[in-house]
Amino acid sequence: MAKYFYVYNIAGVEDSIVKMFNTDTGAMGEKSVKKDRMDGFIDGIKTSGFILNKELAEADVAEAEAKRILAEKMTAYQAARDDYHNKSETLKKVKAKYGIK
């Protein structure tokens, strides 16, 4: 089995995030590392048997971005659904007021 890692950055956050996967144990971890200490940290985890995996990084980051977009769209959908429901109820009340079925 193997140990993999990759590094990513989040906009507006000073530190980089190192995400590590250990296929021997099934463990996954994240570590926030200051940019000026990144080289030493990476050297240390490479010495521990971790391998940089860019394919894993790209797939994981793409999945997180898709999840973020989905959450945005679901929030917009829920707001639109609530707005439609409120306006539908208003129409029902107005129709009832004037005896329209």
N, C-alpha and C. Protein backbone atom coordinates (compact mmCIF):
# COMPACT_ATOMS: atom_id res chain seq x y z
N MET A 1 0.83 -1.18 0.00
CA MET A 1 0.00 0.00 0.00
C MET A 1 0.88 1.24 0.00
N ALA A 2 0.22 2.42 -0.01
CA ALA A 2 1.01 3.64 -0.15
C ALA A 2 0.44 4.78 0.70
N LYS A 3 1.22 5.82 0.77
CA LYS A 3 0.83 7.05 1.45
C LYS A 3 0.96 8.17 0.42
N TYR A 4 -0.09 8.96 0.29
CA TYR A 4 -0.10 10.05 -0.69
C TYR A 4 -0.37 11.37 0.00
N PHE A 5 0.06 12.45 -0.64
CA PHE A 5 -0.25 13.78 -0.14
C PHE A 5 -0.33 14.75 -1.31
N TYR A 6 -0.95 15.87 -1.03
CA TYR A 6 -0.91 17.01 -1.95
C TYR A 6 -1.10 18.28 -1.16
N VAL A 7 -0.75 19.40 -1.75
CA VAL A 7 -0.83 20.70 -1.11
C VAL A 7 -1.82 21.56 -1.88
N TYR A 8 -2.67 22.28 -1.14
CA TYR A 8 -3.56 23.21 -1.81
C TYR A 8 -3.68 24.48 -0.98
N ASN A 9 -4.16 25.52 -1.62
CA ASN A 9 -4.33 26.82 -0.97
C ASN A 9 -5.79 27.24 -1.09
N ILE A 10 -6.24 27.96 -0.10
CA ILE A 10 -7.59 28.51 -0.10
C ILE A 10 -7.46 30.02 -0.21
N ALA A 11 -8.22 30.61 -1.11
CA ALA A 11 -8.16 32.06 -1.30
C ALA A 11 -8.43 32.77 0.03
N GLY A 12 -7.59 33.74 0.34
CA GLY A 12 -7.77 34.52 1.55
C GLY A 12 -7.16 33.90 2.81
N VAL A 13 -6.56 32.72 2.69
CA VAL A 13 -5.94 32.06 3.83
C VAL A 13 -4.43 32.06 3.63
N GLU A 14 -3.71 32.49 4.66
CA GLU A 14 -2.25 32.60 4.53
C GLU A 14 -1.55 31.26 4.43
N ASP A 15 -1.95 30.31 5.26
CA ASP A 15 -1.28 29.02 5.30
C ASP A 15 -1.71 28.13 4.14
N SER A 16 -0.87 27.19 3.78
CA SER A 16 -1.22 26.16 2.81
C SER A 16 -1.76 24.96 3.59
N ILE A 17 -2.56 24.16 2.92
CA ILE A 17 -3.11 22.96 3.54
C ILE A 17 -2.46 21.75 2.87
N VAL A 18 -1.96 20.84 3.69
CA VAL A 18 -1.41 19.58 3.19
C VAL A 18 -2.43 18.50 3.54
N LYS A 19 -2.91 17.80 2.53
CA LYS A 19 -3.87 16.72 2.74
C LYS A 19 -3.13 15.41 2.52
N MET A 20 -3.23 14.51 3.50
CA MET A 20 -2.47 13.26 3.47
C MET A 20 -3.41 12.06 3.56
N PHE A 21 -3.10 11.04 2.79
CA PHE A 21 -3.88 9.80 2.76
C PHE A 21 -2.94 8.63 3.02
N ASN A 22 -3.34 7.73 3.91
CA ASN A 22 -2.55 6.54 4.19
C ASN A 22 -3.41 5.34 3.82
N THR A 23 -3.10 4.68 2.72
CA THR A 23 -3.91 3.55 2.27
C THR A 23 -3.70 2.32 3.13
N ASP A 24 -2.63 2.29 3.92
CA ASP A 24 -2.40 1.15 4.83
C ASP A 24 -3.43 1.14 5.95
N THR A 25 -3.73 2.32 6.48
CA THR A 25 -4.62 2.43 7.64
C THR A 25 -6.00 2.98 7.27
N GLY A 26 -6.12 3.56 6.08
CA GLY A 26 -7.37 4.19 5.68
C GLY A 26 -7.52 5.59 6.26
N ALA A 27 -6.47 6.09 6.89
CA ALA A 27 -6.53 7.41 7.52
C ALA A 27 -6.35 8.52 6.51
N MET A 28 -7.00 9.64 6.79
CA MET A 28 -6.85 10.86 5.98
C MET A 28 -6.69 12.00 6.96
N GLY A 29 -5.77 12.91 6.67
CA GLY A 29 -5.58 14.04 7.56
C GLY A 29 -5.23 15.29 6.79
N GLU A 30 -5.49 16.42 7.43
CA GLU A 30 -5.12 17.71 6.85
C GLU A 30 -4.29 18.47 7.87
N LYS A 31 -3.32 19.19 7.37
CA LYS A 31 -2.44 19.96 8.25
C LYS A 31 -2.24 21.33 7.64
N SER A 32 -2.49 22.36 8.42
CA SER A 32 -2.24 23.73 7.99
C SER A 32 -0.78 24.03 8.26
N VAL A 33 -0.08 24.48 7.22
CA VAL A 33 1.36 24.72 7.33
C VAL A 33 1.67 26.12 6.81
N LYS A 34 2.46 26.85 7.58
CA LYS A 34 2.89 28.19 7.14
C LYS A 34 3.75 28.04 5.88
N LYS A 35 3.56 28.97 4.96
CA LYS A 35 4.26 28.88 3.67
C LYS A 35 5.79 28.85 3.84
N ASP A 36 6.31 29.55 4.82
CA ASP A 36 7.76 29.57 5.00
C ASP A 36 8.29 28.26 5.60
N ARG A 37 7.41 27.39 6.07
CA ARG A 37 7.82 26.10 6.63
C ARG A 37 7.44 24.93 5.72
N MET A 38 6.85 25.24 4.58
CA MET A 38 6.31 24.20 3.70
C MET A 38 7.38 23.25 3.20
N ASP A 39 8.50 23.75 2.73
CA ASP A 39 9.55 22.88 2.19
C ASP A 39 10.02 21.85 3.22
N GLY A 40 10.26 22.30 4.44
CA GLY A 40 10.70 21.39 5.49
C GLY A 40 9.64 20.36 5.84
N PHE A 41 8.38 20.80 5.86
CA PHE A 41 7.29 19.87 6.17
C PHE A 41 7.18 18.80 5.09
N ILE A 42 7.23 19.23 3.83
CA ILE A 42 7.13 18.28 2.72
C ILE A 42 8.30 17.31 2.73
N ASP A 43 9.49 17.81 3.00
CA ASP A 43 10.65 16.92 3.10
C ASP A 43 10.43 15.88 4.19
N GLY A 44 9.85 16.29 5.30
CA GLY A 44 9.60 15.37 6.41
C GLY A 44 8.59 14.29 6.07
N ILE A 45 7.48 14.67 5.41
CA ILE A 45 6.49 13.64 5.10
C ILE A 45 6.96 12.74 3.96
N LYS A 46 7.79 13.28 3.06
CA LYS A 46 8.36 12.41 2.02
C LYS A 46 9.28 11.38 2.66
N THR A 47 10.03 11.80 3.67
CA THR A 47 10.90 10.87 4.39
C THR A 47 10.07 9.79 5.09
N SER A 48 8.85 10.14 5.48
CA SER A 48 7.94 9.19 6.13
C SER A 48 7.24 8.27 5.14
N GLY A 49 7.56 8.43 3.85
CA GLY A 49 7.00 7.53 2.84
C GLY A 49 5.82 8.08 2.06
N PHE A 50 5.48 9.34 2.26
CA PHE A 50 4.38 9.93 1.50
C PHE A 50 4.85 10.34 0.11
N ILE A 51 3.97 10.17 -0.87
CA ILE A 51 4.28 10.46 -2.28
C ILE A 51 3.33 11.55 -2.76
N LEU A 52 3.87 12.58 -3.40
CA LEU A 52 3.04 13.65 -3.98
C LEU A 52 2.19 13.06 -5.09
N ASN A 53 0.89 13.32 -5.07
CA ASN A 53 -0.02 12.76 -6.06
C ASN A 53 -0.87 13.89 -6.65
N LYS A 54 -0.45 14.40 -7.80
CA LYS A 54 -1.15 15.52 -8.44
C LYS A 54 -2.52 15.11 -8.97
N GLU A 55 -2.65 13.88 -9.45
CA GLU A 55 -3.94 13.41 -9.96
C GLU A 55 -4.99 13.40 -8.85
N LEU A 56 -4.60 12.94 -7.67
CA LEU A 56 -5.49 12.94 -6.51
C LEU A 56 -5.86 14.37 -6.14
N ALA A 57 -4.88 15.25 -6.19
CA ALA A 57 -5.14 16.65 -5.86
C ALA A 57 -6.17 17.25 -6.80
N GLU A 58 -5.98 17.05 -8.10
CA GLU A 58 -6.90 17.63 -9.08
C GLU A 58 -8.31 17.08 -8.92
N ALA A 59 -8.43 15.79 -8.71
CA ALA A 59 -9.75 15.17 -8.56
C ALA A 59 -10.43 15.63 -7.27
N ASP A 60 -9.69 15.71 -6.18
CA ASP A 60 -10.26 16.11 -4.90
C ASP A 60 -10.70 17.57 -4.93
N VAL A 61 -9.86 18.43 -5.49
CA VAL A 61 -10.19 19.85 -5.58
C VAL A 61 -11.40 20.05 -6.52
N ALA A 62 -11.46 19.32 -7.62
CA ALA A 62 -12.59 19.42 -8.54
C ALA A 62 -13.89 18.98 -7.86
N GLU A 63 -13.82 17.92 -7.07
CA GLU A 63 -15.01 17.45 -6.35
C GLU A 63 -15.47 18.50 -5.34
N ALA A 64 -14.54 19.12 -4.63
CA ALA A 64 -14.89 20.15 -3.65
C ALA A 64 -15.54 21.36 -4.33
N GLU A 65 -15.02 21.74 -5.50
CA GLU A 65 -15.58 22.87 -6.25
C GLU A 65 -16.99 22.54 -6.73
N ALA A 66 -17.19 21.32 -7.22
CA ALA A 66 -18.52 20.90 -7.67
C ALA A 66 -19.51 20.90 -6.50
N LYS A 67 -19.05 20.48 -5.35
CA LYS A 67 -19.89 20.47 -4.14
C LYS A 67 -20.28 21.90 -3.76
N ARG A 68 -19.33 22.83 -3.85
CA ARG A 68 -19.60 24.24 -3.54
C ARG A 68 -20.64 24.81 -4.50
N ILE A 69 -20.50 24.51 -5.78
CA ILE A 69 -21.45 25.00 -6.79
C ILE A 69 -22.83 24.39 -6.55
N LEU A 70 -22.88 23.11 -6.24
CA LEU A 70 -24.15 22.45 -5.95
C LEU A 70 -24.84 23.11 -4.76
N ALA A 71 -24.09 23.40 -3.71
CA ALA A 71 -24.67 24.04 -2.52
C ALA A 71 -25.24 25.41 -2.87
N GLU A 72 -24.52 26.18 -3.69
CA GLU A 72 -25.02 27.49 -4.14
C GLU A 72 -26.32 27.35 -4.90
N LYS A 73 -26.34 26.40 -5.85
CA LYS A 73 -27.53 26.21 -6.68
C LYS A 73 -28.70 25.69 -5.87
N MET A 74 -28.44 24.83 -4.89
CA MET A 74 -29.53 24.32 -4.06
C MET A 74 -30.10 25.44 -3.19
N THR A 75 -29.25 26.32 -2.70
CA THR A 75 -29.72 27.46 -1.92
C THR A 75 -30.59 28.36 -2.79
N ALA A 76 -30.14 28.61 -4.02
CA ALA A 76 -30.93 29.44 -4.94
C ALA A 76 -32.25 28.77 -5.28
N TYR A 77 -32.23 27.44 -5.48
CA TYR A 77 -33.45 26.70 -5.77
C TYR A 77 -34.43 26.81 -4.61
N GLN A 78 -33.94 26.64 -3.39
CA GLN A 78 -34.83 26.70 -2.23
C GLN A 78 -35.44 28.09 -2.08
N ALA A 79 -34.65 29.13 -2.34
CA ALA A 79 -35.17 30.49 -2.27
C ALA A 79 -36.24 30.71 -3.35
N ALA A 80 -35.99 30.22 -4.55
CA ALA A 80 -36.97 30.36 -5.64
C ALA A 80 -38.24 29.58 -5.33
N ARG A 81 -38.08 28.39 -4.77
CA ARG A 81 -39.24 27.57 -4.41
C ARG A 81 -40.08 28.27 -3.34
N ASP A 82 -39.43 28.84 -2.34
CA ASP A 82 -40.15 29.57 -1.29
C ASP A 82 -40.86 30.79 -1.86
N ASP A 83 -40.20 31.51 -2.75
CA ASP A 83 -40.80 32.68 -3.39
C ASP A 83 -42.03 32.27 -4.21
N TYR A 84 -41.90 31.20 -4.98
CA TYR A 84 -43.03 30.71 -5.77
C TYR A 84 -44.19 30.33 -4.85
N HIS A 85 -43.90 29.62 -3.77
CA HIS A 85 -44.95 29.20 -2.85
C HIS A 85 -45.69 30.41 -2.27
N ASN A 86 -44.95 31.43 -1.84
CA ASN A 86 -45.56 32.63 -1.28
C ASN A 86 -46.45 33.33 -2.30
N LYS A 87 -45.97 33.44 -3.52
CA LYS A 87 -46.76 34.12 -4.56
C LYS A 87 -47.98 33.30 -4.97
N SER A 88 -47.84 31.99 -4.96
CA SER A 88 -48.97 31.10 -5.27
C SER A 88 -50.06 31.24 -4.20
N GLU A 89 -49.64 31.31 -2.95
CA GLU A 89 -50.60 31.49 -1.86
C GLU A 89 -51.30 32.84 -1.96
N THR A 90 -50.54 33.87 -2.33
CA THR A 90 -51.14 35.20 -2.51
C THR A 90 -52.18 35.16 -3.62
N LEU A 91 -51.86 34.50 -4.74
CA LEU A 91 -52.81 34.38 -5.84
C LEU A 91 -54.07 33.66 -5.40
N LYS A 92 -53.93 32.58 -4.64
CA LYS A 92 -55.09 31.84 -4.15
C LYS A 92 -55.99 32.75 -3.31
N LYS A 93 -55.38 33.56 -2.44
CA LYS A 93 -56.15 34.46 -1.58
C LYS A 93 -56.88 35.52 -2.41
N VAL A 94 -56.19 36.07 -3.41
CA VAL A 94 -56.81 37.09 -4.26
C VAL A 94 -57.96 36.48 -5.05
N LYS A 95 -57.77 35.30 -5.60
CA LYS A 95 -58.83 34.62 -6.34
C LYS A 95 -60.03 34.33 -5.43
N ALA A 96 -59.76 33.88 -4.22
CA ALA A 96 -60.84 33.59 -3.27
C ALA A 96 -61.60 34.87 -2.92
N LYS A 97 -60.89 35.96 -2.78
CA LYS A 97 -61.49 37.25 -2.46
C LYS A 97 -62.52 37.65 -3.52
N TYR A 98 -62.22 37.34 -4.79
CA TYR A 98 -63.10 37.74 -5.88
C TYR A 98 -63.96 36.58 -6.37
N GLY A 99 -63.95 35.47 -5.64
CA GLY A 99 -64.80 34.35 -6.01
C GLY A 99 -64.37 33.59 -7.26
N ILE A 100 -63.11 33.64 -7.57
CA ILE A 100 -62.56 32.95 -8.73
C ILE A 100 -61.98 31.63 -8.28
N LYS A 101 -62.33 30.57 -9.03
CA LYS A 101 -61.80 29.23 -8.67
C LYS A 101 -60.60 28.86 -9.44
